[in-house]
Amino acid sequence: MNVTSGLNSNLAAAHRILVIGCPGSGKSTLAKRLSRALDLTYISMDREFYWLPGWRKRPRDEVDRRIGKAVAGERWIMDGTGLSSFHLRLPRAQAVIWLRPPRRVCLYGAIVRALRYFGRNRPELPAGCPESLSLAALSYIWNFERDAVPLIEAALRDHAAGIAEDGPEMPGLQLKSRRQMRELLDLLDRPA
């Protein structure tokens, strides 16, 4: 897929964008770069919503309240798949960028990230949540296409069916390689 075939004026003009995909796919990196290119506030779901110091999970009602407040904003880009919050995020999003590189790329990305930040905080996490890598995380990545993708596809399909009656379809873009991510960023750097 050529990135320009999926990038239309609606996506380029979107003020509220979700970047979703498997751990290690490059969601945070792409979202941060797009936030600068499009002048959108960058929101990390892990840092802002899900985790407290010591890798303690926030209570679900607090997570939903924080997400509701964040998506009420007018200009943002949010990285994180978080299927349990699609019902809060999709209605406010104007575009979805779904990163779907091969499993080996995601595994490599997660391992490199763990080695780079091991024992320290990476910017997408709150203080007190040092980077690590577990067999459970690797297993989740390994099985992401089998376990999570059908749920993501169903959620996006259901959302699209719900908005089809109300107006134009929400722009979506699937990027299946690092090269396509670079093409997207290069395309945004070009003068109109």
N, C-alpha and C. Protein backbone atom coordinates (compact mmCIF):
# COMPACT_ATOMS: atom_id res chain seq x y z
N MET A 1 0.84 -1.19 0.00
CA MET A 1 0.00 0.00 0.00
C MET A 1 0.88 1.24 0.00
N ASN A 2 0.61 2.13 -0.86
CA ASN A 2 1.29 3.41 -0.90
C ASN A 2 0.60 4.34 0.10
N VAL A 3 1.37 4.97 0.96
CA VAL A 3 0.80 5.82 2.00
C VAL A 3 -0.09 6.90 1.39
N THR A 4 0.31 7.47 0.28
CA THR A 4 -0.47 8.56 -0.29
C THR A 4 -1.85 8.08 -0.73
N SER A 5 -2.01 6.79 -1.01
CA SER A 5 -3.33 6.30 -1.39
C SER A 5 -4.28 6.29 -0.21
N GLY A 6 -3.76 6.19 1.00
CA GLY A 6 -4.62 6.18 2.18
C GLY A 6 -4.71 7.53 2.85
N LEU A 7 -3.86 8.44 2.48
CA LEU A 7 -3.86 9.76 3.11
C LEU A 7 -4.69 10.71 2.27
N ASN A 8 -5.83 11.11 2.81
CA ASN A 8 -6.64 12.06 2.07
C ASN A 8 -6.72 13.36 2.86
N SER A 9 -7.40 14.33 2.31
CA SER A 9 -7.44 15.64 2.96
C SER A 9 -8.08 15.56 4.34
N ASN A 10 -9.02 14.64 4.53
CA ASN A 10 -9.65 14.52 5.85
C ASN A 10 -8.64 14.09 6.90
N LEU A 11 -7.79 13.13 6.59
CA LEU A 11 -6.78 12.68 7.55
C LEU A 11 -5.77 13.79 7.81
N ALA A 12 -5.31 14.44 6.77
CA ALA A 12 -4.33 15.51 6.94
C ALA A 12 -4.89 16.67 7.76
N ALA A 13 -6.20 16.88 7.70
CA ALA A 13 -6.83 17.98 8.42
C ALA A 13 -7.38 17.57 9.78
N ALA A 14 -7.24 16.30 10.15
CA ALA A 14 -7.80 15.82 11.41
C ALA A 14 -7.12 16.49 12.60
N HIS A 15 -7.91 16.84 13.59
CA HIS A 15 -7.40 17.47 14.80
C HIS A 15 -7.40 16.51 15.99
N ARG A 16 -8.01 15.34 15.82
CA ARG A 16 -8.05 14.34 16.89
C ARG A 16 -7.78 12.97 16.27
N ILE A 17 -6.61 12.42 16.56
CA ILE A 17 -6.15 11.21 15.89
C ILE A 17 -5.79 10.14 16.92
N LEU A 18 -6.22 8.92 16.66
CA LEU A 18 -5.80 7.76 17.45
C LEU A 18 -4.72 7.02 16.67
N VAL A 19 -3.66 6.62 17.37
CA VAL A 19 -2.62 5.77 16.79
C VAL A 19 -2.66 4.47 17.59
N ILE A 20 -3.05 3.39 16.92
CA ILE A 20 -3.23 2.11 17.59
C ILE A 20 -2.33 1.06 16.95
N GLY A 21 -2.15 -0.07 17.65
CA GLY A 21 -1.37 -1.16 17.11
C GLY A 21 -0.76 -1.99 18.22
N CYS A 22 -0.03 -2.98 17.82
CA CYS A 22 0.63 -3.92 18.72
C CYS A 22 1.74 -3.22 19.50
N PRO A 23 2.01 -3.64 20.74
CA PRO A 23 3.18 -3.11 21.43
C PRO A 23 4.44 -3.35 20.58
N GLY A 24 5.32 -2.37 20.57
CA GLY A 24 6.55 -2.48 19.79
C GLY A 24 6.40 -2.08 18.33
N SER A 25 5.18 -1.71 17.91
CA SER A 25 4.96 -1.36 16.51
C SER A 25 5.44 0.05 16.16
N GLY A 26 5.65 0.89 17.16
CA GLY A 26 6.11 2.25 16.91
C GLY A 26 5.05 3.31 17.14
N LYS A 27 3.98 2.96 17.87
CA LYS A 27 2.88 3.91 18.10
C LYS A 27 3.36 5.22 18.73
N SER A 28 4.11 5.10 19.81
CA SER A 28 4.53 6.31 20.54
C SER A 28 5.46 7.17 19.68
N THR A 29 6.40 6.53 19.02
CA THR A 29 7.35 7.26 18.19
C THR A 29 6.62 8.01 17.08
N LEU A 30 5.73 7.32 16.38
CA LEU A 30 4.99 7.96 15.29
C LEU A 30 4.07 9.06 15.84
N ALA A 31 3.36 8.78 16.92
CA ALA A 31 2.43 9.77 17.46
C ALA A 31 3.16 11.04 17.90
N LYS A 32 4.32 10.88 18.53
CA LYS A 32 5.08 12.07 18.95
C LYS A 32 5.54 12.88 17.75
N ARG A 33 6.01 12.20 16.71
CA ARG A 33 6.47 12.92 15.53
C ARG A 33 5.30 13.59 14.81
N LEU A 34 4.17 12.91 14.74
CA LEU A 34 2.98 13.52 14.12
C LEU A 34 2.47 14.69 14.95
N SER A 35 2.58 14.58 16.28
CA SER A 35 2.11 15.68 17.13
C SER A 35 2.88 16.97 16.81
N ARG A 36 4.18 16.82 16.57
CA ARG A 36 4.98 18.00 16.22
C ARG A 36 4.64 18.49 14.81
N ALA A 37 4.50 17.55 13.87
CA ALA A 37 4.23 17.94 12.48
C ALA A 37 2.86 18.58 12.32
N LEU A 38 1.89 18.13 13.10
CA LEU A 38 0.51 18.63 12.95
C LEU A 38 0.10 19.59 14.06
N ASP A 39 1.03 19.89 14.96
CA ASP A 39 0.76 20.78 16.09
C ASP A 39 -0.43 20.29 16.92
N LEU A 40 -0.37 19.01 17.30
CA LEU A 40 -1.40 18.39 18.14
C LEU A 40 -0.79 18.02 19.49
N THR A 41 -1.57 18.09 20.54
CA THR A 41 -1.11 17.67 21.86
C THR A 41 -0.93 16.15 21.87
N TYR A 42 0.25 15.70 22.29
CA TYR A 42 0.53 14.26 22.37
C TYR A 42 0.02 13.71 23.70
N ILE A 43 -0.75 12.62 23.64
CA ILE A 43 -1.27 11.96 24.84
C ILE A 43 -0.86 10.49 24.80
N SER A 44 -0.11 10.07 25.82
CA SER A 44 0.25 8.66 25.99
C SER A 44 -0.76 8.02 26.91
N MET A 45 -1.49 7.03 26.43
CA MET A 45 -2.48 6.37 27.27
C MET A 45 -1.84 5.72 28.49
N ASP A 46 -0.67 5.11 28.30
CA ASP A 46 0.00 4.47 29.44
C ASP A 46 0.32 5.48 30.53
N ARG A 47 0.87 6.61 30.15
CA ARG A 47 1.29 7.62 31.13
C ARG A 47 0.11 8.37 31.72
N GLU A 48 -0.81 8.80 30.88
CA GLU A 48 -1.89 9.68 31.33
C GLU A 48 -3.07 8.96 31.97
N PHE A 49 -3.29 7.71 31.60
CA PHE A 49 -4.52 7.05 32.04
C PHE A 49 -4.31 5.79 32.86
N TYR A 50 -3.46 4.89 32.38
CA TYR A 50 -3.46 3.54 32.92
C TYR A 50 -2.60 3.29 34.15
N TRP A 51 -1.40 3.87 34.21
CA TRP A 51 -0.45 3.43 35.23
C TRP A 51 -0.15 4.47 36.29
N LEU A 52 0.02 3.97 37.51
CA LEU A 52 0.51 4.73 38.65
C LEU A 52 1.91 4.24 38.96
N PRO A 53 2.71 5.01 39.72
CA PRO A 53 4.05 4.53 40.07
C PRO A 53 4.03 3.11 40.65
N GLY A 54 5.07 2.36 40.32
CA GLY A 54 5.16 0.97 40.78
C GLY A 54 4.33 0.01 39.93
N TRP A 55 3.98 0.44 38.73
CA TRP A 55 3.19 -0.39 37.81
C TRP A 55 1.84 -0.79 38.41
N ARG A 56 1.27 0.11 39.22
CA ARG A 56 -0.07 -0.15 39.75
C ARG A 56 -1.09 0.42 38.76
N LYS A 57 -2.14 -0.35 38.48
CA LYS A 57 -3.18 0.10 37.56
C LYS A 57 -4.12 1.07 38.26
N ARG A 58 -4.50 2.10 37.53
CA ARG A 58 -5.53 3.02 38.05
C ARG A 58 -6.86 2.28 38.09
N PRO A 59 -7.75 2.68 38.98
CA PRO A 59 -9.10 2.10 38.97
C PRO A 59 -9.81 2.43 37.65
N ARG A 60 -10.60 1.50 37.15
CA ARG A 60 -11.26 1.63 35.85
C ARG A 60 -12.09 2.91 35.74
N ASP A 61 -12.82 3.26 36.78
CA ASP A 61 -13.65 4.46 36.70
C ASP A 61 -12.79 5.72 36.57
N GLU A 62 -11.64 5.73 37.21
CA GLU A 62 -10.74 6.88 37.08
C GLU A 62 -10.13 6.93 35.68
N VAL A 63 -9.77 5.76 35.14
CA VAL A 63 -9.25 5.70 33.77
C VAL A 63 -10.27 6.30 32.80
N ASP A 64 -11.52 5.84 32.91
CA ASP A 64 -12.56 6.33 32.00
C ASP A 64 -12.80 7.83 32.17
N ARG A 65 -12.78 8.32 33.40
CA ARG A 65 -12.97 9.74 33.65
C ARG A 65 -11.84 10.55 33.01
N ARG A 66 -10.60 10.08 33.18
CA ARG A 66 -9.44 10.78 32.60
C ARG A 66 -9.49 10.76 31.07
N ILE A 67 -9.86 9.63 30.50
CA ILE A 67 -9.97 9.54 29.04
C ILE A 67 -11.06 10.48 28.54
N GLY A 68 -12.21 10.47 29.22
CA GLY A 68 -13.31 11.35 28.82
C GLY A 68 -12.90 12.81 28.82
N LYS A 69 -12.15 13.21 29.82
CA LYS A 69 -11.68 14.60 29.90
C LYS A 69 -10.69 14.90 28.76
N ALA A 70 -9.77 13.97 28.50
CA ALA A 70 -8.77 14.18 27.45
C ALA A 70 -9.39 14.27 26.07
N VAL A 71 -10.32 13.37 25.76
CA VAL A 71 -10.89 13.36 24.41
C VAL A 71 -11.85 14.53 24.18
N ALA A 72 -12.25 15.20 25.25
CA ALA A 72 -13.09 16.39 25.09
C ALA A 72 -12.30 17.55 24.49
N GLY A 73 -10.97 17.46 24.56
CA GLY A 73 -10.12 18.48 23.96
C GLY A 73 -10.30 18.54 22.45
N GLU A 74 -9.91 19.65 21.88
CA GLU A 74 -10.11 19.86 20.44
C GLU A 74 -8.95 19.42 19.57
N ARG A 75 -7.72 19.35 20.11
CA ARG A 75 -6.56 19.03 19.27
C ARG A 75 -5.65 18.07 20.02
N TRP A 76 -5.64 16.81 19.58
CA TRP A 76 -4.78 15.82 20.23
C TRP A 76 -4.47 14.65 19.30
N ILE A 77 -3.40 13.96 19.66
CA ILE A 77 -3.08 12.68 19.05
C ILE A 77 -2.75 11.75 20.21
N MET A 78 -3.38 10.59 20.22
CA MET A 78 -3.30 9.67 21.35
C MET A 78 -2.76 8.33 20.88
N ASP A 79 -1.71 7.85 21.58
CA ASP A 79 -1.19 6.53 21.23
C ASP A 79 -1.63 5.52 22.27
N GLY A 80 -2.03 4.37 21.78
CA GLY A 80 -2.45 3.28 22.65
C GLY A 80 -3.67 2.59 22.06
N THR A 81 -3.66 1.28 22.13
CA THR A 81 -4.75 0.53 21.55
C THR A 81 -5.94 0.48 22.50
N GLY A 82 -5.76 0.10 23.75
CA GLY A 82 -6.81 0.15 24.77
C GLY A 82 -8.21 -0.15 24.30
N LEU A 83 -8.47 -1.40 23.93
CA LEU A 83 -9.78 -1.79 23.41
C LEU A 83 -10.92 -1.43 24.35
N SER A 84 -10.69 -1.50 25.64
CA SER A 84 -11.76 -1.24 26.61
C SER A 84 -12.18 0.22 26.64
N SER A 85 -11.44 1.10 25.97
CA SER A 85 -11.82 2.52 25.95
C SER A 85 -12.18 3.01 24.56
N PHE A 86 -12.29 2.11 23.60
CA PHE A 86 -12.68 2.54 22.25
C PHE A 86 -14.02 3.28 22.28
N HIS A 87 -14.94 2.86 23.13
CA HIS A 87 -16.26 3.49 23.18
C HIS A 87 -16.17 4.96 23.60
N LEU A 88 -15.10 5.34 24.28
CA LEU A 88 -14.90 6.73 24.69
C LEU A 88 -14.10 7.51 23.64
N ARG A 89 -13.16 6.84 23.00
CA ARG A 89 -12.22 7.53 22.13
C ARG A 89 -12.68 7.63 20.68
N LEU A 90 -13.23 6.56 20.14
CA LEU A 90 -13.62 6.58 18.72
C LEU A 90 -14.65 7.66 18.37
N PRO A 91 -15.66 7.90 19.20
CA PRO A 91 -16.63 8.94 18.83
C PRO A 91 -16.02 10.34 18.69
N ARG A 92 -14.93 10.60 19.38
CA ARG A 92 -14.29 11.92 19.30
C ARG A 92 -13.16 11.97 18.27
N ALA A 93 -12.63 10.82 17.90
CA ALA A 93 -11.52 10.80 16.94
C ALA A 93 -12.01 11.19 15.56
N GLN A 94 -11.15 11.89 14.84
CA GLN A 94 -11.43 12.25 13.46
C GLN A 94 -10.67 11.36 12.49
N ALA A 95 -9.69 10.61 13.01
CA ALA A 95 -8.91 9.70 12.17
C ALA A 95 -8.27 8.64 13.06
N VAL A 96 -8.01 7.48 12.46
CA VAL A 96 -7.32 6.39 13.14
C VAL A 96 -6.16 5.94 12.26
N ILE A 97 -4.99 5.87 12.86
CA ILE A 97 -3.82 5.30 12.18
C ILE A 97 -3.50 4.00 12.90
N TRP A 98 -3.58 2.90 12.17
CA TRP A 98 -3.38 1.57 12.74
C TRP A 98 -2.04 1.04 12.23
N LEU A 99 -1.10 0.85 13.15
CA LEU A 99 0.20 0.30 12.79
C LEU A 99 0.11 -1.22 12.84
N ARG A 100 0.43 -1.85 11.70
CA ARG A 100 0.32 -3.31 11.60
C ARG A 100 1.56 -3.94 10.96
N PRO A 101 2.75 -3.60 11.48
CA PRO A 101 3.93 -4.27 10.92
C PRO A 101 3.92 -5.74 11.32
N PRO A 102 4.76 -6.55 10.68
CA PRO A 102 4.82 -7.97 11.02
C PRO A 102 5.22 -8.19 12.48
N ARG A 103 4.84 -9.32 13.00
CA ARG A 103 5.12 -9.71 14.38
C ARG A 103 6.60 -9.55 14.72
N ARG A 104 7.47 -9.97 13.83
CA ARG A 104 8.92 -9.90 14.11
C ARG A 104 9.36 -8.46 14.32
N VAL A 105 8.77 -7.51 13.61
CA VAL A 105 9.09 -6.10 13.75
C VAL A 105 8.65 -5.60 15.13
N CYS A 106 7.47 -6.01 15.56
CA CYS A 106 6.96 -5.59 16.88
C CYS A 106 7.80 -6.21 17.99
N LEU A 107 8.16 -7.48 17.85
CA LEU A 107 9.01 -8.12 18.86
C LEU A 107 10.36 -7.41 18.94
N TYR A 108 10.93 -7.14 17.78
CA TYR A 108 12.21 -6.43 17.74
C TYR A 108 12.08 -5.06 18.40
N GLY A 109 11.01 -4.32 18.07
CA GLY A 109 10.80 -3.00 18.64
C GLY A 109 10.67 -3.04 20.15
N ALA A 110 9.94 -4.02 20.67
CA ALA A 110 9.76 -4.14 22.12
C ALA A 110 11.07 -4.52 22.81
N ILE A 111 11.85 -5.40 22.20
CA ILE A 111 13.11 -5.83 22.80
C ILE A 111 14.12 -4.69 22.79
N VAL A 112 14.23 -3.98 21.67
CA VAL A 112 15.16 -2.85 21.59
C VAL A 112 14.77 -1.78 22.60
N ARG A 113 13.48 -1.49 22.71
CA ARG A 113 13.01 -0.50 23.68
C ARG A 113 13.34 -0.93 25.10
N ALA A 114 13.14 -2.21 25.42
CA ALA A 114 13.44 -2.72 26.76
C ALA A 114 14.93 -2.60 27.07
N LEU A 115 15.76 -2.90 26.11
CA LEU A 115 17.21 -2.78 26.32
C LEU A 115 17.62 -1.32 26.48
N ARG A 116 17.02 -0.46 25.69
CA ARG A 116 17.38 0.96 25.73
C ARG A 116 17.00 1.61 27.06
N TYR A 117 15.84 1.26 27.59
CA TYR A 117 15.35 1.91 28.80
C TYR A 117 15.35 1.00 30.04
N PHE A 118 15.91 -0.20 29.94
CA PHE A 118 15.80 -1.17 31.03
C PHE A 118 16.13 -0.55 32.39
N GLY A 119 15.21 -0.69 33.32
CA GLY A 119 15.39 -0.18 34.67
C GLY A 119 15.15 1.31 34.82
N ARG A 120 14.88 1.99 33.71
CA ARG A 120 14.61 3.43 33.72
C ARG A 120 13.24 3.69 33.12
N ASN A 121 12.75 4.88 33.34
CA ASN A 121 11.47 5.26 32.75
C ASN A 121 11.66 5.73 31.32
N ARG A 122 10.80 5.25 30.43
CA ARG A 122 10.75 5.85 29.11
C ARG A 122 9.72 6.97 29.15
N PRO A 123 9.79 7.89 28.22
CA PRO A 123 8.94 9.09 28.28
C PRO A 123 7.43 8.79 28.25
N GLU A 124 7.02 7.66 27.69
CA GLU A 124 5.59 7.36 27.56
C GLU A 124 5.00 6.76 28.83
N LEU A 125 5.81 6.62 29.88
CA LEU A 125 5.33 6.01 31.13
C LEU A 125 5.46 7.00 32.27
N PRO A 126 4.61 6.86 33.30
CA PRO A 126 4.73 7.75 34.45
C PRO A 126 5.97 7.42 35.27
N ALA A 127 6.41 8.36 36.08
CA ALA A 127 7.54 8.12 36.97
C ALA A 127 7.24 6.90 37.84
N GLY A 128 8.28 6.14 38.13
CA GLY A 128 8.11 4.97 38.99
C GLY A 128 7.66 3.72 38.25
N CYS A 129 7.73 3.75 36.94
CA CYS A 129 7.38 2.57 36.13
C CYS A 129 8.58 2.26 35.22
N PRO A 130 9.63 1.67 35.80
CA PRO A 130 10.82 1.39 35.00
C PRO A 130 10.54 0.33 33.93
N GLU A 131 11.19 0.49 32.81
CA GLU A 131 11.03 -0.42 31.68
C GLU A 131 11.50 -1.82 32.04
N SER A 132 10.75 -2.79 31.58
CA SER A 132 11.13 -4.20 31.72
C SER A 132 10.48 -4.94 30.55
N LEU A 133 10.77 -6.21 30.47
CA LEU A 133 10.17 -7.03 29.42
C LEU A 133 9.90 -8.40 30.02
N SER A 134 8.68 -8.85 29.90
CA SER A 134 8.29 -10.13 30.49
C SER A 134 7.89 -11.12 29.40
N LEU A 135 7.85 -12.37 29.78
CA LEU A 135 7.36 -13.40 28.85
C LEU A 135 5.90 -13.14 28.50
N ALA A 136 5.13 -12.63 29.46
CA ALA A 136 3.72 -12.32 29.19
C ALA A 136 3.61 -11.25 28.11
N ALA A 137 4.46 -10.23 28.17
CA ALA A 137 4.43 -9.17 27.16
C ALA A 137 4.83 -9.71 25.79
N LEU A 138 5.87 -10.54 25.76
CA LEU A 138 6.29 -11.14 24.49
C LEU A 138 5.19 -12.04 23.93
N SER A 139 4.52 -12.77 24.80
CA SER A 139 3.42 -13.64 24.38
C SER A 139 2.27 -12.81 23.80
N TYR A 140 1.96 -11.69 24.45
CA TYR A 140 0.90 -10.81 23.96
C TYR A 140 1.23 -10.32 22.55
N ILE A 141 2.48 -9.90 22.35
CA ILE A 141 2.91 -9.45 21.03
C ILE A 141 2.82 -10.59 20.02
N TRP A 142 3.31 -11.76 20.40
CA TRP A 142 3.30 -12.93 19.52
C TRP A 142 1.89 -13.26 19.04
N ASN A 143 0.91 -13.13 19.95
CA ASN A 143 -0.47 -13.53 19.66
C ASN A 143 -1.39 -12.36 19.31
N PHE A 144 -0.83 -11.16 19.13
CA PHE A 144 -1.63 -9.96 18.91
C PHE A 144 -2.55 -10.10 17.69
N GLU A 145 -2.01 -10.54 16.58
CA GLU A 145 -2.83 -10.65 15.35
C GLU A 145 -3.98 -11.64 15.56
N ARG A 146 -3.73 -12.71 16.26
CA ARG A 146 -4.77 -13.71 16.48
C ARG A 146 -5.81 -13.25 17.51
N ASP A 147 -5.33 -12.64 18.60
CA ASP A 147 -6.23 -12.34 19.72
C ASP A 147 -6.83 -10.94 19.68
N ALA A 148 -6.03 -9.93 19.39
CA ALA A 148 -6.50 -8.55 19.49
C ALA A 148 -7.06 -8.00 18.18
N VAL A 149 -6.45 -8.39 17.06
CA VAL A 149 -6.87 -7.81 15.77
C VAL A 149 -8.35 -8.04 15.47
N PRO A 150 -8.89 -9.24 15.67
CA PRO A 150 -10.33 -9.39 15.40
C PRO A 150 -11.20 -8.46 16.25
N LEU A 151 -10.79 -8.19 17.48
CA LEU A 151 -11.55 -7.28 18.34
C LEU A 151 -11.43 -5.83 17.86
N ILE A 152 -10.24 -5.46 17.41
CA ILE A 152 -10.04 -4.11 16.87
C ILE A 152 -10.87 -3.94 15.60
N GLU A 153 -10.80 -4.93 14.71
CA GLU A 153 -11.57 -4.85 13.46
C GLU A 153 -13.07 -4.74 13.74
N ALA A 154 -13.56 -5.51 14.70
CA ALA A 154 -14.99 -5.45 15.05
C ALA A 154 -15.36 -4.08 15.60
N ALA A 155 -14.52 -3.54 16.48
CA ALA A 155 -14.80 -2.23 17.07
C ALA A 155 -14.81 -1.14 16.00
N LEU A 156 -13.84 -1.18 15.10
CA LEU A 156 -13.78 -0.18 14.03
C LEU A 156 -14.96 -0.33 13.07
N ARG A 157 -15.30 -1.57 12.76
CA ARG A 157 -16.44 -1.84 11.87
C ARG A 157 -17.74 -1.34 12.51
N ASP A 158 -17.94 -1.65 13.81
CA ASP A 158 -19.16 -1.20 14.51
C ASP A 158 -19.23 0.31 14.56
N HIS A 159 -18.09 0.95 14.82
CA HIS A 159 -18.08 2.41 14.87
C HIS A 159 -18.39 2.99 13.49
N ALA A 160 -17.78 2.42 12.45
CA ALA A 160 -18.03 2.90 11.09
C ALA A 160 -19.50 2.75 10.72
N ALA A 161 -20.11 1.64 11.12
CA ALA A 161 -21.53 1.43 10.82
C ALA A 161 -22.38 2.48 11.53
N GLY A 162 -21.99 2.83 12.74
CA GLY A 162 -22.74 3.82 13.50
C GLY A 162 -22.63 5.22 12.94
N ILE A 163 -21.48 5.57 12.37
CA ILE A 163 -21.32 6.94 11.85
C ILE A 163 -21.71 7.04 10.39
N ALA A 164 -21.86 5.91 9.70
CA ALA A 164 -22.20 5.96 8.27
C ALA A 164 -23.51 6.71 8.05
N GLU A 165 -24.42 6.58 8.99
CA GLU A 165 -25.70 7.26 8.85
C GLU A 165 -25.57 8.76 9.09
N ASP A 166 -24.55 9.15 9.86
CA ASP A 166 -24.40 10.55 10.27
C ASP A 166 -23.55 11.38 9.33
N GLY A 167 -22.83 10.77 8.44
CA GLY A 167 -21.98 11.56 7.56
C GLY A 167 -20.86 10.74 6.97
N PRO A 168 -19.78 11.42 6.56
CA PRO A 168 -18.69 10.72 5.90
C PRO A 168 -17.95 9.79 6.86
N GLU A 169 -17.35 8.78 6.27
CA GLU A 169 -16.58 7.80 7.04
C GLU A 169 -15.35 8.46 7.66
N MET A 170 -15.00 8.00 8.88
CA MET A 170 -13.80 8.50 9.54
C MET A 170 -12.59 7.98 8.77
N PRO A 171 -11.64 8.87 8.45
CA PRO A 171 -10.44 8.40 7.75
C PRO A 171 -9.65 7.42 8.60
N GLY A 172 -9.18 6.39 7.97
CA GLY A 172 -8.33 5.41 8.63
C GLY A 172 -7.18 5.05 7.72
N LEU A 173 -6.08 4.73 8.32
CA LEU A 173 -4.89 4.40 7.57
C LEU A 173 -4.18 3.26 8.27
N GLN A 174 -3.89 2.20 7.55
CA GLN A 174 -3.09 1.10 8.08
C GLN A 174 -1.69 1.19 7.50
N LEU A 175 -0.72 1.21 8.39
CA LEU A 175 0.68 1.24 7.97
C LEU A 175 1.31 -0.08 8.38
N LYS A 176 1.89 -0.79 7.41
CA LYS A 176 2.38 -2.13 7.67
C LYS A 176 3.89 -2.25 7.69
N SER A 177 4.59 -1.11 7.66
CA SER A 177 6.05 -1.15 7.71
C SER A 177 6.59 0.17 8.23
N ARG A 178 7.83 0.14 8.66
CA ARG A 178 8.50 1.38 9.09
C ARG A 178 8.64 2.32 7.89
N ARG A 179 8.83 1.75 6.71
CA ARG A 179 8.95 2.56 5.49
C ARG A 179 7.67 3.36 5.27
N GLN A 180 6.51 2.75 5.45
CA GLN A 180 5.25 3.47 5.28
C GLN A 180 5.09 4.57 6.34
N MET A 181 5.59 4.32 7.54
CA MET A 181 5.54 5.36 8.57
C MET A 181 6.40 6.55 8.16
N ARG A 182 7.59 6.26 7.64
CA ARG A 182 8.47 7.34 7.16
C ARG A 182 7.83 8.09 5.99
N GLU A 183 7.17 7.36 5.08
CA GLU A 183 6.50 8.01 3.95
C GLU A 183 5.43 8.99 4.44
N LEU A 184 4.68 8.57 5.44
CA LEU A 184 3.65 9.44 5.99
C LEU A 184 4.28 10.72 6.55
N LEU A 185 5.32 10.55 7.34
CA LEU A 185 5.99 11.72 7.92
C LEU A 185 6.60 12.60 6.85
N ASP A 186 7.21 11.99 5.83
CA ASP A 186 7.79 12.76 4.72
C ASP A 186 6.70 13.55 3.97
N LEU A 187 5.57 12.90 3.77
CA LEU A 187 4.47 13.54 3.07
C LEU A 187 3.98 14.77 3.83
N LEU A 188 3.94 14.68 5.15
CA LEU A 188 3.49 15.81 5.96
C LEU A 188 4.51 16.93 6.00
N ASP A 189 5.79 16.59 5.76
CA ASP A 189 6.85 17.61 5.77
C ASP A 189 6.89 18.41 4.47
N ARG A 190 6.25 17.88 3.42
CA ARG A 190 6.28 18.58 2.13
C ARG A 190 5.33 19.76 2.13
N PRO A 191 5.69 20.83 1.47
CA PRO A 191 4.76 21.96 1.36
C PRO A 191 3.54 21.56 0.54
N ALA A 192 2.41 22.13 0.89
CA ALA A 192 1.16 21.81 0.17
C ALA A 192 1.12 22.41 -1.20
